[in-house]
Amino acid sequence: MKRALIPQGSGGLTIYLPKRWVARKGLEGGDQVDVFESDTKLVIGAAAAKDREKEITITKENRGDVQTLLTHAYRTGAERIVLRGVDEKLLPQVRKTTEELLLGFELARQDDTVTLENVFEPVQEKYDAVLRRLFLIIKESIELLVRNGRAGAYDAREMASLRQRHDKYALFCRRLLMKELHGDDIVLSWELLTFLVHVEHALAYCHAYAAASRLVLDARMLALTKAFKDYFGLYYDAFYTNDMAKVHAINDLKDRYQFGECIKALEASRGKKTVYYAYLRELFRLVQVGSSPIVAMKA
């Protein structure tokens, strides 16, 4: 739809917001909306009134799903989450989830009711910076795997911290997408975030297995792990330099890594090494299939 610009004050301009959109969002005079620039667009966003508060009642059936319930309410844009039926045993988990995953939210408790409220949320302009941080955390995770694997001494706490921060930032990015605060194609942005989360989780699982197995990476294992580091570097460069040649390189190397070197390493290995190579093959696969949203976004 098109709207005429209306002169306002000394050089300012205003526009008329569609009545149907205003009603759907439950907005009234004096309410605030979010406004930000995205390339040539000026995007206006506001959470619908019905979505600003989410109420969840804890039952015997769903108490094991508290983290999932909270993160879903958060990423769908709720400004206030009311949890009823929280007992002393469940409270530490609610507090831990809030602190580790719900960026900008704080917890208040009254009797068996816990309220999680948005007290400080980074503005939309931080989306791109947080998204880049997701890429960089994956790079850190690969470096950690190489460093620890070479020595055979694994820092499980550092890896867990990297995964937790990655999850927190990914949830925040998804929250902004659901609140209509990002100008790119939401579906493609969501798909990109999904692949980034899968890659980081696979790295965390690989690191955890190697740590539990006290696995020392030999020359062949280190070489293939470093090759994955370079492979993800192509992914990073493709996204941030708009260089489609990098994506083409990712796809051109698919047969070499997924069906060549990884398969040969799997066939020649035994026991714990075989499991490690299986993780690496999956990581190569995730990066390769995860390149599709980059192609569509940068087209």
C-alpha atoms as a PDB file:
ATOM      1  CA  MET A   1       0.000   0.000   0.000  1.00  0.00           C
ATOM      2  CA  LYS A   2       1.076   3.604  -0.527  1.00  0.00           C
ATOM      3  CA  ARG A   3       0.656   6.521   1.849  1.00  0.00           C
ATOM      4  CA  ALA A   4       1.042  10.254   1.240  1.00  0.00           C
ATOM      5  CA  LEU A   5       3.506  12.188   3.399  1.00  0.00           C
ATOM      6  CA  ILE A   6       1.828  14.864   5.521  1.00  0.00           C
ATOM      7  CA  PRO A   7       3.795  18.040   6.426  1.00  0.00           C
ATOM      8  CA  GLN A   8       4.295  18.336  10.185  1.00  0.00           C
ATOM      9  CA  GLY A   9       5.967  21.150  12.100  1.00  0.00           C
ATOM     10  CA  SER A  10       9.211  22.645  10.823  1.00  0.00           C
ATOM     11  CA  GLY A  11      10.149  20.303   8.003  1.00  0.00           C
ATOM     12  CA  GLY A  12       8.896  17.054   9.540  1.00  0.00           C
ATOM     13  CA  LEU A  13       6.632  14.592   7.742  1.00  0.00           C
ATOM     14  CA  THR A  14       4.102  12.093   9.098  1.00  0.00           C
ATOM     15  CA  ILE A  15       2.155   9.209   7.578  1.00  0.00           C
ATOM     16  CA  TYR A  16      -1.261   7.725   8.310  1.00  0.00           C
ATOM     17  CA  LEU A  17      -1.031   4.196   9.734  1.00  0.00           C
ATOM     18  CA  PRO A  18      -3.693   1.806   8.384  1.00  0.00           C
ATOM     19  CA  LYS A  19      -6.638   1.511  10.787  1.00  0.00           C
ATOM     20  CA  ARG A  20      -6.854  -2.255  10.402  1.00  0.00           C
ATOM     21  CA  TRP A  21      -3.159  -2.695  11.335  1.00  0.00           C
ATOM     22  CA  VAL A  22      -3.505  -0.350  14.328  1.00  0.00           C
ATOM     23  CA  ALA A  23      -6.582  -2.256  15.549  1.00  0.00           C
ATOM     24  CA  ARG A  24      -4.885  -5.633  15.118  1.00  0.00           C
ATOM     25  CA  LYS A  25      -1.938  -4.445  17.183  1.00  0.00           C
ATOM     26  CA  GLY A  26      -4.195  -2.887  19.840  1.00  0.00           C
ATOM     27  CA  LEU A  27      -2.509   0.509  19.540  1.00  0.00           C
ATOM     28  CA  GLU A  28      -3.830   3.790  20.867  1.00  0.00           C
ATOM     29  CA  GLY A  29      -2.690   7.407  20.773  1.00  0.00           C
ATOM     30  CA  GLY A  30       0.487   7.820  22.807  1.00  0.00           C
ATOM     31  CA  ASP A  31       1.622   4.197  22.376  1.00  0.00           C
ATOM     32  CA  GLN A  32       5.124   3.623  21.074  1.00  0.00           C
ATOM     33  CA  VAL A  33       6.103   1.739  17.937  1.00  0.00           C
ATOM     34  CA  ASP A  34       9.543   0.636  16.765  1.00  0.00           C
ATOM     35  CA  VAL A  35      10.969   2.403  13.712  1.00  0.00           C
ATOM     36  CA  PHE A  36      14.227   1.486  11.993  1.00  0.00           C
ATOM     37  CA  GLU A  37      15.924   1.725   8.623  1.00  0.00           C
ATOM     38  CA  SER A  38      16.647  -1.329   6.482  1.00  0.00           C
ATOM     39  CA  ASP A  39      18.373  -0.498   3.205  1.00  0.00           C
ATOM     40  CA  THR A  40      15.826   1.662   1.332  1.00  0.00           C
ATOM     41  CA  LYS A  41      12.962   0.790   3.687  1.00  0.00           C
ATOM     42  CA  LEU A  42      11.643   2.392   6.842  1.00  0.00           C
ATOM     43  CA  VAL A  43      10.085  -0.394   8.908  1.00  0.00           C
ATOM     44  CA  ILE A  44       7.465   0.179  11.596  1.00  0.00           C
ATOM     45  CA  GLY A  45       6.850  -2.647  14.054  1.00  0.00           C
ATOM     46  CA  ALA A  46       4.747  -3.285  17.134  1.00  0.00           C
ATOM     47  CA  ALA A  47       3.773  -6.434  18.977  1.00  0.00           C
ATOM     48  CA  ALA A  48       0.037  -7.126  19.027  1.00  0.00           C
ATOM     49  CA  ALA A  49      -1.562  -6.347  22.387  1.00  0.00           C
ATOM     50  CA  LYS A  50      -2.669  -9.957  22.820  1.00  0.00           C
ATOM     51  CA  ASP A  51       0.934 -11.087  22.344  1.00  0.00           C
ATOM     52  CA  ARG A  52       2.494  -8.726  24.887  1.00  0.00           C
ATOM     53  CA  GLU A  53       1.666 -11.004  27.818  1.00  0.00           C
ATOM     54  CA  LYS A  54       1.852 -14.780  27.816  1.00  0.00           C
ATOM     55  CA  GLU A  55       0.416 -16.794  30.698  1.00  0.00           C
ATOM     56  CA  ILE A  56       1.564 -20.371  31.328  1.00  0.00           C
ATOM     57  CA  THR A  57       0.199 -22.711  33.998  1.00  0.00           C
ATOM     58  CA  ILE A  58       2.610 -25.380  35.190  1.00  0.00           C
ATOM     59  CA  THR A  59       1.098 -28.839  35.494  1.00  0.00           C
ATOM     60  CA  LYS A  60       2.424 -32.297  36.250  1.00  0.00           C
ATOM     61  CA  GLU A  61       2.409 -33.012  32.526  1.00  0.00           C
ATOM     62  CA  ASN A  62       4.347 -29.958  31.309  1.00  0.00           C
ATOM     63  CA  ARG A  63       6.765 -29.199  34.165  1.00  0.00           C
ATOM     64  CA  GLY A  64       9.505 -31.029  32.293  1.00  0.00           C
ATOM     65  CA  ASP A  65       9.049 -28.681  29.337  1.00  0.00           C
ATOM     66  CA  VAL A  66       9.508 -25.394  31.191  1.00  0.00           C
ATOM     67  CA  GLN A  67      12.584 -24.275  29.246  1.00  0.00           C
ATOM     68  CA  THR A  68      10.872 -24.957  25.916  1.00  0.00           C
ATOM     69  CA  LEU A  69       7.706 -23.137  27.010  1.00  0.00           C
ATOM     70  CA  LEU A  70       9.666 -20.098  28.183  1.00  0.00           C
ATOM     71  CA  THR A  71      11.946 -19.824  25.154  1.00  0.00           C
ATOM     72  CA  HIS A  72       8.983 -20.206  22.794  1.00  0.00           C
ATOM     73  CA  ALA A  73       7.039 -17.422  24.549  1.00  0.00           C
ATOM     74  CA  TYR A  74      10.161 -15.236  24.463  1.00  0.00           C
ATOM     75  CA  ARG A  75      10.996 -15.712  20.808  1.00  0.00           C
ATOM     76  CA  THR A  76       7.393 -15.125  19.711  1.00  0.00           C
ATOM     77  CA  GLY A  77       7.627 -11.600  21.141  1.00  0.00           C
ATOM     78  CA  ALA A  78       5.952 -11.651  24.572  1.00  0.00           C
ATOM     79  CA  GLU A  79       6.924  -8.667  26.717  1.00  0.00           C
ATOM     80  CA  ARG A  80       5.702 -10.293  29.933  1.00  0.00           C
ATOM     81  CA  ILE A  81       5.537 -14.014  30.758  1.00  0.00           C
ATOM     82  CA  VAL A  82       3.477 -15.116  33.767  1.00  0.00           C
ATOM     83  CA  LEU A  83       4.209 -18.599  35.083  1.00  0.00           C
ATOM     84  CA  ARG A  84       1.695 -20.050  37.548  1.00  0.00           C
ATOM     85  CA  GLY A  85       2.246 -23.089  39.743  1.00  0.00           C
ATOM     86  CA  VAL A  86       6.034 -22.765  40.168  1.00  0.00           C
ATOM     87  CA  ASP A  87       7.251 -24.605  43.278  1.00  0.00           C
ATOM     88  CA  GLU A  88      10.613 -24.440  45.033  1.00  0.00           C
ATOM     89  CA  LYS A  89      12.006 -27.364  43.029  1.00  0.00           C
ATOM     90  CA  LEU A  90      11.175 -25.765  39.695  1.00  0.00           C
ATOM     91  CA  LEU A  91      12.201 -22.195  40.536  1.00  0.00           C
ATOM     92  CA  PRO A  92      15.980 -22.717  40.029  1.00  0.00           C
ATOM     93  CA  GLN A  93      15.368 -24.014  36.501  1.00  0.00           C
ATOM     94  CA  VAL A  94      13.129 -21.043  35.673  1.00  0.00           C
ATOM     95  CA  ARG A  95      15.758 -18.649  37.021  1.00  0.00           C
ATOM     96  CA  LYS A  96      18.574 -20.418  35.132  1.00  0.00           C
ATOM     97  CA  THR A  97      16.645 -20.323  31.834  1.00  0.00           C
ATOM     98  CA  THR A  98      15.887 -16.620  32.307  1.00  0.00           C
ATOM     99  CA  GLU A  99      19.478 -15.686  33.084  1.00  0.00           C
ATOM    100  CA  GLU A 100      21.108 -17.819  30.399  1.00  0.00           C
ATOM    101  CA  LEU A 101      18.690 -17.568  27.483  1.00  0.00           C
ATOM    102  CA  LEU A 102      16.182 -14.703  27.775  1.00  0.00           C
ATOM    103  CA  LEU A 103      18.228 -11.641  26.908  1.00  0.00           C
ATOM    104  CA  GLY A 104      16.792  -8.504  28.540  1.00  0.00           C
ATOM    105  CA  PHE A 105      14.350 -10.305  30.859  1.00  0.00           C
ATOM    106  CA  GLU A 106      14.305 -10.377  34.662  1.00  0.00           C
ATOM    107  CA  LEU A 107      12.395 -12.526  37.119  1.00  0.00           C
ATOM    108  CA  ALA A 108      10.085 -11.535  39.973  1.00  0.00           C
ATOM    109  CA  ARG A 109       8.255 -13.974  42.230  1.00  0.00           C
ATOM    110  CA  GLN A 110       5.105 -13.785  44.345  1.00  0.00           C
ATOM    111  CA  ASP A 111       3.906 -16.972  46.064  1.00  0.00           C
ATOM    112  CA  ASP A 112       3.721 -19.692  43.371  1.00  0.00           C
ATOM    113  CA  THR A 113       3.583 -17.196  40.496  1.00  0.00           C
ATOM    114  CA  VAL A 114       6.701 -16.094  38.638  1.00  0.00           C
ATOM    115  CA  THR A 115       6.692 -13.104  36.306  1.00  0.00           C
ATOM    116  CA  LEU A 116       9.371 -12.661  33.659  1.00  0.00           C
ATOM    117  CA  GLU A 117       9.411  -9.173  32.218  1.00  0.00           C
ATOM    118  CA  ASN A 118      11.321  -7.373  29.522  1.00  0.00           C
ATOM    119  CA  VAL A 119      13.269  -4.694  31.411  1.00  0.00           C
ATOM    120  CA  PHE A 120      16.066  -4.113  28.905  1.00  0.00           C
ATOM    121  CA  GLU A 121      16.121  -5.389  25.370  1.00  0.00           C
ATOM    122  CA  PRO A 122      18.766  -4.318  22.846  1.00  0.00           C
ATOM    123  CA  VAL A 123      17.306  -2.210  20.061  1.00  0.00           C
ATOM    124  CA  GLN A 124      16.750  -3.509  16.538  1.00  0.00           C
ATOM    125  CA  GLU A 125      19.937  -1.850  15.335  1.00  0.00           C
ATOM    126  CA  LYS A 126      21.798  -4.516  17.347  1.00  0.00           C
ATOM    127  CA  TYR A 127      20.366  -7.361  15.227  1.00  0.00           C
ATOM    128  CA  ASP A 128      23.196  -7.335  12.705  1.00  0.00           C
ATOM    129  CA  ALA A 129      25.852  -7.166  15.435  1.00  0.00           C
ATOM    130  CA  VAL A 130      24.283 -10.079  17.323  1.00  0.00           C
ATOM    131  CA  LEU A 131      23.941 -12.107  14.117  1.00  0.00           C
ATOM    132  CA  ARG A 132      27.642 -11.612  13.382  1.00  0.00           C
ATOM    133  CA  ARG A 133      28.379 -12.751  16.931  1.00  0.00           C
ATOM    134  CA  LEU A 134      26.630 -16.054  16.156  1.00  0.00           C
ATOM    135  CA  PHE A 135      29.050 -16.639  13.287  1.00  0.00           C
ATOM    136  CA  LEU A 136      32.046 -15.684  15.437  1.00  0.00           C
ATOM    137  CA  ILE A 137      31.034 -17.992  18.296  1.00  0.00           C
ATOM    138  CA  ILE A 138      31.016 -20.890  15.839  1.00  0.00           C
ATOM    139  CA  LYS A 139      34.516 -19.895  14.758  1.00  0.00           C
ATOM    140  CA  GLU A 140      35.580 -19.832  18.421  1.00  0.00           C
ATOM    141  CA  SER A 141      34.052 -23.270  18.946  1.00  0.00           C
ATOM    142  CA  ILE A 142      36.011 -24.730  16.022  1.00  0.00           C
ATOM    143  CA  GLU A 143      39.236 -23.188  17.337  1.00  0.00           C
ATOM    144  CA  LEU A 144      38.536 -24.656  20.767  1.00  0.00           C
ATOM    145  CA  LEU A 145      37.963 -28.115  19.279  1.00  0.00           C
ATOM    146  CA  VAL A 146      41.259 -27.950  17.379  1.00  0.00           C
ATOM    147  CA  ARG A 147      43.203 -26.642  20.366  1.00  0.00           C
ATOM    148  CA  ASN A 148      41.768 -29.091  22.881  1.00  0.00           C
ATOM    149  CA  GLY A 149      41.857 -32.030  20.489  1.00  0.00           C
ATOM    150  CA  ARG A 150      45.534 -31.508  19.705  1.00  0.00           C
ATOM    151  CA  ALA A 151      46.383 -31.606  23.422  1.00  0.00           C
ATOM    152  CA  GLY A 152      43.791 -34.228  24.370  1.00  0.00           C
ATOM    153  CA  ALA A 153      42.697 -31.951  27.225  1.00  0.00           C
ATOM    154  CA  TYR A 154      39.186 -30.569  26.841  1.00  0.00           C
ATOM    155  CA  ASP A 155      37.652 -27.497  28.455  1.00  0.00           C
ATOM    156  CA  ALA A 156      34.036 -28.604  28.764  1.00  0.00           C
ATOM    157  CA  ARG A 157      33.007 -25.468  30.657  1.00  0.00           C
ATOM    158  CA  GLU A 158      34.239 -23.132  27.922  1.00  0.00           C
ATOM    159  CA  MET A 159      32.440 -25.130  25.239  1.00  0.00           C
ATOM    160  CA  ALA A 160      29.225 -25.146  27.287  1.00  0.00           C
ATOM    161  CA  SER A 161      29.529 -21.380  27.735  1.00  0.00           C
ATOM    162  CA  LEU A 162      29.928 -20.852  23.988  1.00  0.00           C
ATOM    163  CA  ARG A 163      26.852 -22.946  23.236  1.00  0.00           C
ATOM    164  CA  GLN A 164      24.779 -21.188  25.904  1.00  0.00           C
ATOM    165  CA  ARG A 165      25.693 -17.743  24.544  1.00  0.00           C
ATOM    166  CA  HIS A 166      24.975 -18.887  21.008  1.00  0.00           C
ATOM    167  CA  ASP A 167      21.533 -20.137  22.043  1.00  0.00           C
ATOM    168  CA  LYS A 168      20.778 -16.866  23.837  1.00  0.00           C
ATOM    169  CA  TYR A 169      21.731 -14.696  20.874  1.00  0.00           C
ATOM    170  CA  ALA A 170      19.883 -16.930  18.392  1.00  0.00           C
ATOM    171  CA  LEU A 171      16.710 -16.681  20.495  1.00  0.00           C
ATOM    172  CA  PHE A 172      17.067 -12.906  20.592  1.00  0.00           C
ATOM    173  CA  CYS A 173      17.412 -12.714  16.803  1.00  0.00           C
ATOM    174  CA  ARG A 174      14.346 -14.906  16.346  1.00  0.00           C
ATOM    175  CA  ARG A 175      12.430 -12.747  18.807  1.00  0.00           C
ATOM    176  CA  LEU A 176      13.156  -9.654  16.717  1.00  0.00           C
ATOM    177  CA  LEU A 177      12.058 -11.431  13.551  1.00  0.00           C
ATOM    178  CA  MET A 178       8.757 -12.439  15.161  1.00  0.00           C
ATOM    179  CA  LYS A 179       8.204  -8.871  16.378  1.00  0.00           C
ATOM    180  CA  GLU A 180       8.446  -7.680  12.770  1.00  0.00           C
ATOM    181  CA  LEU A 181      11.499  -5.622  13.521  1.00  0.00           C
ATOM    182  CA  HIS A 182      13.711  -6.832  10.705  1.00  0.00           C
ATOM    183  CA  GLY A 183      13.458  -5.821   7.106  1.00  0.00           C
ATOM    184  CA  ASP A 184      14.918  -8.889   5.407  1.00  0.00           C
ATOM    185  CA  ASP A 185      12.814 -11.831   4.308  1.00  0.00           C
ATOM    186  CA  ILE A 186      11.796 -13.348   7.643  1.00  0.00           C
ATOM    187  CA  VAL A 187      11.600 -16.929   6.361  1.00  0.00           C
ATOM    188  CA  LEU A 188      15.138 -16.839   4.942  1.00  0.00           C
ATOM    189  CA  SER A 189      16.526 -15.123   8.047  1.00  0.00           C
ATOM    190  CA  TRP A 190      14.858 -17.723  10.264  1.00  0.00           C
ATOM    191  CA  GLU A 191      16.277 -20.521   8.107  1.00  0.00           C
ATOM    192  CA  LEU A 192      19.779 -19.065   8.352  1.00  0.00           C
ATOM    193  CA  LEU A 193      19.498 -18.882  12.150  1.00  0.00           C
ATOM    194  CA  THR A 194      18.326 -22.491  12.260  1.00  0.00           C
ATOM    195  CA  PHE A 195      21.396 -23.722  10.392  1.00  0.00           C
ATOM    196  CA  LEU A 196      23.727 -21.659  12.584  1.00  0.00           C
ATOM    197  CA  VAL A 197      22.171 -23.216  15.701  1.00  0.00           C
ATOM    198  CA  HIS A 198      22.503 -26.723  14.220  1.00  0.00           C
ATOM    199  CA  VAL A 199      26.193 -26.151  13.445  1.00  0.00           C
ATOM    200  CA  GLU A 200      26.966 -24.846  16.939  1.00  0.00           C
ATOM    201  CA  HIS A 201      25.076 -27.714  18.600  1.00  0.00           C
ATOM    202  CA  ALA A 202      26.863 -30.297  16.448  1.00  0.00           C
ATOM    203  CA  LEU A 203      30.203 -28.756  17.434  1.00  0.00           C
ATOM    204  CA  ALA A 204      29.192 -28.905  21.114  1.00  0.00           C
ATOM    205  CA  TYR A 205      28.205 -32.575  20.800  1.00  0.00           C
ATOM    206  CA  CYS A 206      31.447 -33.392  18.989  1.00  0.00           C
ATOM    207  CA  HIS A 207      33.490 -31.620  21.657  1.00  0.00           C
ATOM    208  CA  ALA A 208      31.556 -33.355  24.453  1.00  0.00           C
ATOM    209  CA  TYR A 209      32.144 -36.789  22.901  1.00  0.00           C
ATOM    210  CA  ALA A 210      35.856 -36.139  22.376  1.00  0.00           C
ATOM    211  CA  ALA A 211      36.163 -34.890  25.955  1.00  0.00           C
ATOM    212  CA  ALA A 212      34.323 -37.883  27.425  1.00  0.00           C
ATOM    213  CA  SER A 213      36.462 -40.238  25.308  1.00  0.00           C
ATOM    214  CA  ARG A 214      39.698 -38.396  26.127  1.00  0.00           C
ATOM    215  CA  LEU A 215      40.376 -38.423  22.420  1.00  0.00           C
ATOM    216  CA  VAL A 216      43.694 -37.090  21.152  1.00  0.00           C
ATOM    217  CA  LEU A 217      43.350 -36.013  17.546  1.00  0.00           C
ATOM    218  CA  ASP A 218      45.998 -37.502  15.256  1.00  0.00           C
ATOM    219  CA  ALA A 219      47.380 -35.764  12.155  1.00  0.00           C
ATOM    220  CA  ARG A 220      44.562 -36.938   9.878  1.00  0.00           C
ATOM    221  CA  MET A 221      41.833 -35.926  12.333  1.00  0.00           C
ATOM    222  CA  LEU A 222      43.401 -32.517  12.888  1.00  0.00           C
ATOM    223  CA  ALA A 223      43.786 -31.942   9.149  1.00  0.00           C
ATOM    224  CA  LEU A 224      40.101 -32.703   8.508  1.00  0.00           C
ATOM    225  CA  THR A 225      39.014 -30.542  11.458  1.00  0.00           C
ATOM    226  CA  LYS A 226      41.072 -27.638  10.144  1.00  0.00           C
ATOM    227  CA  ALA A 227      39.559 -28.242   6.705  1.00  0.00           C
ATOM    228  CA  PHE A 228      36.137 -27.773   8.283  1.00  0.00           C
ATOM    229  CA  LYS A 229      37.374 -24.519   9.823  1.00  0.00           C
ATOM    230  CA  ASP A 230      38.225 -23.289   6.313  1.00  0.00           C
ATOM    231  CA  TYR A 231      34.912 -24.628   4.992  1.00  0.00           C
ATOM    232  CA  PHE A 232      32.948 -22.603   7.539  1.00  0.00           C
ATOM    233  CA  GLY A 233      35.175 -19.641   6.663  1.00  0.00           C
ATOM    234  CA  LEU A 234      33.752 -19.825   3.129  1.00  0.00           C
ATOM    235  CA  TYR A 235      30.250 -19.729   4.637  1.00  0.00           C
ATOM    236  CA  TYR A 236      31.084 -16.671   6.739  1.00  0.00           C
ATOM    237  CA  ASP A 237      32.707 -14.846   3.814  1.00  0.00           C
ATOM    238  CA  ALA A 238      29.834 -15.672   1.465  1.00  0.00           C
ATOM    239  CA  PHE A 239      27.368 -14.038   3.824  1.00  0.00           C
ATOM    240  CA  TYR A 240      29.379 -10.958   4.768  1.00  0.00           C
ATOM    241  CA  THR A 241      31.043 -10.169   1.442  1.00  0.00           C
ATOM    242  CA  ASN A 242      28.139 -11.102  -0.864  1.00  0.00           C
ATOM    243  CA  ASP A 243      30.619 -13.270  -2.767  1.00  0.00           C
ATOM    244  CA  MET A 244      28.612 -16.035  -4.408  1.00  0.00           C
ATOM    245  CA  ALA A 245      31.883 -17.605  -5.560  1.00  0.00           C
ATOM    246  CA  LYS A 246      32.309 -18.665  -1.924  1.00  0.00           C
ATOM    247  CA  VAL A 247      28.958 -20.467  -1.976  1.00  0.00           C
ATOM    248  CA  HIS A 248      29.911 -22.131  -5.256  1.00  0.00           C
ATOM    249  CA  ALA A 249      33.158 -23.255  -3.602  1.00  0.00           C
ATOM    250  CA  ILE A 250      31.171 -24.765  -0.706  1.00  0.00           C
ATOM    251  CA  ASN A 251      29.057 -26.780  -3.149  1.00  0.00           C
ATOM    252  CA  ASP A 252      32.024 -27.711  -5.341  1.00  0.00           C
ATOM    253  CA  LEU A 253      33.780 -29.172  -2.271  1.00  0.00           C
ATOM    254  CA  LYS A 254      30.734 -31.197  -1.204  1.00  0.00           C
ATOM    255  CA  ASP A 255      31.842 -34.410  -2.895  1.00  0.00           C
ATOM    256  CA  ARG A 256      35.407 -34.040  -1.681  1.00  0.00           C
ATOM    257  CA  TYR A 257      34.461 -33.804   1.986  1.00  0.00           C
ATOM    258  CA  GLN A 258      31.107 -35.516   2.467  1.00  0.00           C
ATOM    259  CA  PHE A 259      31.651 -38.388   0.035  1.00  0.00           C
ATOM    260  CA  GLY A 260      35.418 -38.371  -0.258  1.00  0.00           C
ATOM    261  CA  GLU A 261      37.716 -37.620   2.661  1.00  0.00           C
ATOM    262  CA  CYS A 262      35.139 -38.146   5.413  1.00  0.00           C
ATOM    263  CA  ILE A 263      33.997 -41.495   4.006  1.00  0.00           C
ATOM    264  CA  LYS A 264      37.571 -42.681   3.517  1.00  0.00           C
ATOM    265  CA  ALA A 265      38.417 -41.665   7.083  1.00  0.00           C
ATOM    266  CA  LEU A 266      35.335 -43.485   8.396  1.00  0.00           C
ATOM    267  CA  GLU A 267      36.218 -46.643   6.489  1.00  0.00           C
ATOM    268  CA  ALA A 268      39.843 -46.611   7.694  1.00  0.00           C
ATOM    269  CA  SER A 269      39.080 -45.881  11.351  1.00  0.00           C
ATOM    270  CA  ARG A 270      37.786 -47.837  14.322  1.00  0.00           C
ATOM    271  CA  GLY A 271      36.052 -47.109  17.610  1.00  0.00           C
ATOM    272  CA  LYS A 272      36.174 -43.574  18.953  1.00  0.00           C
ATOM    273  CA  LYS A 273      37.852 -42.165  15.864  1.00  0.00           C
ATOM    274  CA  THR A 274      34.983 -43.409  13.720  1.00  0.00           C
ATOM    275  CA  VAL A 275      32.478 -41.535  15.873  1.00  0.00           C
ATOM    276  CA  TYR A 276      34.559 -38.351  15.645  1.00  0.00           C
ATOM    277  CA  TYR A 277      34.695 -38.578  11.846  1.00  0.00           C
ATOM    278  CA  ALA A 278      30.924 -39.078  11.768  1.00  0.00           C
ATOM    279  CA  TYR A 279      30.487 -35.798  13.644  1.00  0.00           C
ATOM    280  CA  LEU A 280      32.820 -34.031  11.195  1.00  0.00           C
ATOM    281  CA  ARG A 281      30.939 -35.375   8.190  1.00  0.00           C
ATOM    282  CA  GLU A 282      27.689 -34.051   9.655  1.00  0.00           C
ATOM    283  CA  LEU A 283      29.274 -30.634  10.214  1.00  0.00           C
ATOM    284  CA  PHE A 284      30.399 -30.442   6.586  1.00  0.00           C
ATOM    285  CA  ARG A 285      26.869 -31.421   5.512  1.00  0.00           C
ATOM    286  CA  LEU A 286      25.198 -28.758   7.678  1.00  0.00           C
ATOM    287  CA  VAL A 287      27.338 -25.982   6.235  1.00  0.00           C
ATOM    288  CA  GLN A 288      26.744 -27.146   2.664  1.00  0.00           C
ATOM    289  CA  VAL A 289      22.944 -27.423   2.928  1.00  0.00           C
ATOM    290  CA  GLY A 290      22.881 -24.277   5.059  1.00  0.00           C
ATOM    291  CA  SER A 291      24.244 -22.223   2.193  1.00  0.00           C
ATOM    292  CA  SER A 292      20.871 -22.160   0.402  1.00  0.00           C
ATOM    293  CA  PRO A 293      19.339 -19.238   2.381  1.00  0.00           C
ATOM    294  CA  ILE A 294      22.495 -17.201   1.721  1.00  0.00           C
ATOM    295  CA  VAL A 295      22.026 -17.643  -2.017  1.00  0.00           C
ATOM    296  CA  ALA A 296      18.396 -16.504  -1.800  1.00  0.00           C
ATOM    297  CA  MET A 297      19.101 -13.584   0.560  1.00  0.00           C
ATOM    298  CA  LYS A 298      21.993 -12.230  -1.494  1.00  0.00           C
ATOM    299  CA  ALA A 299      20.375 -12.704  -4.890  1.00  0.00           C
END
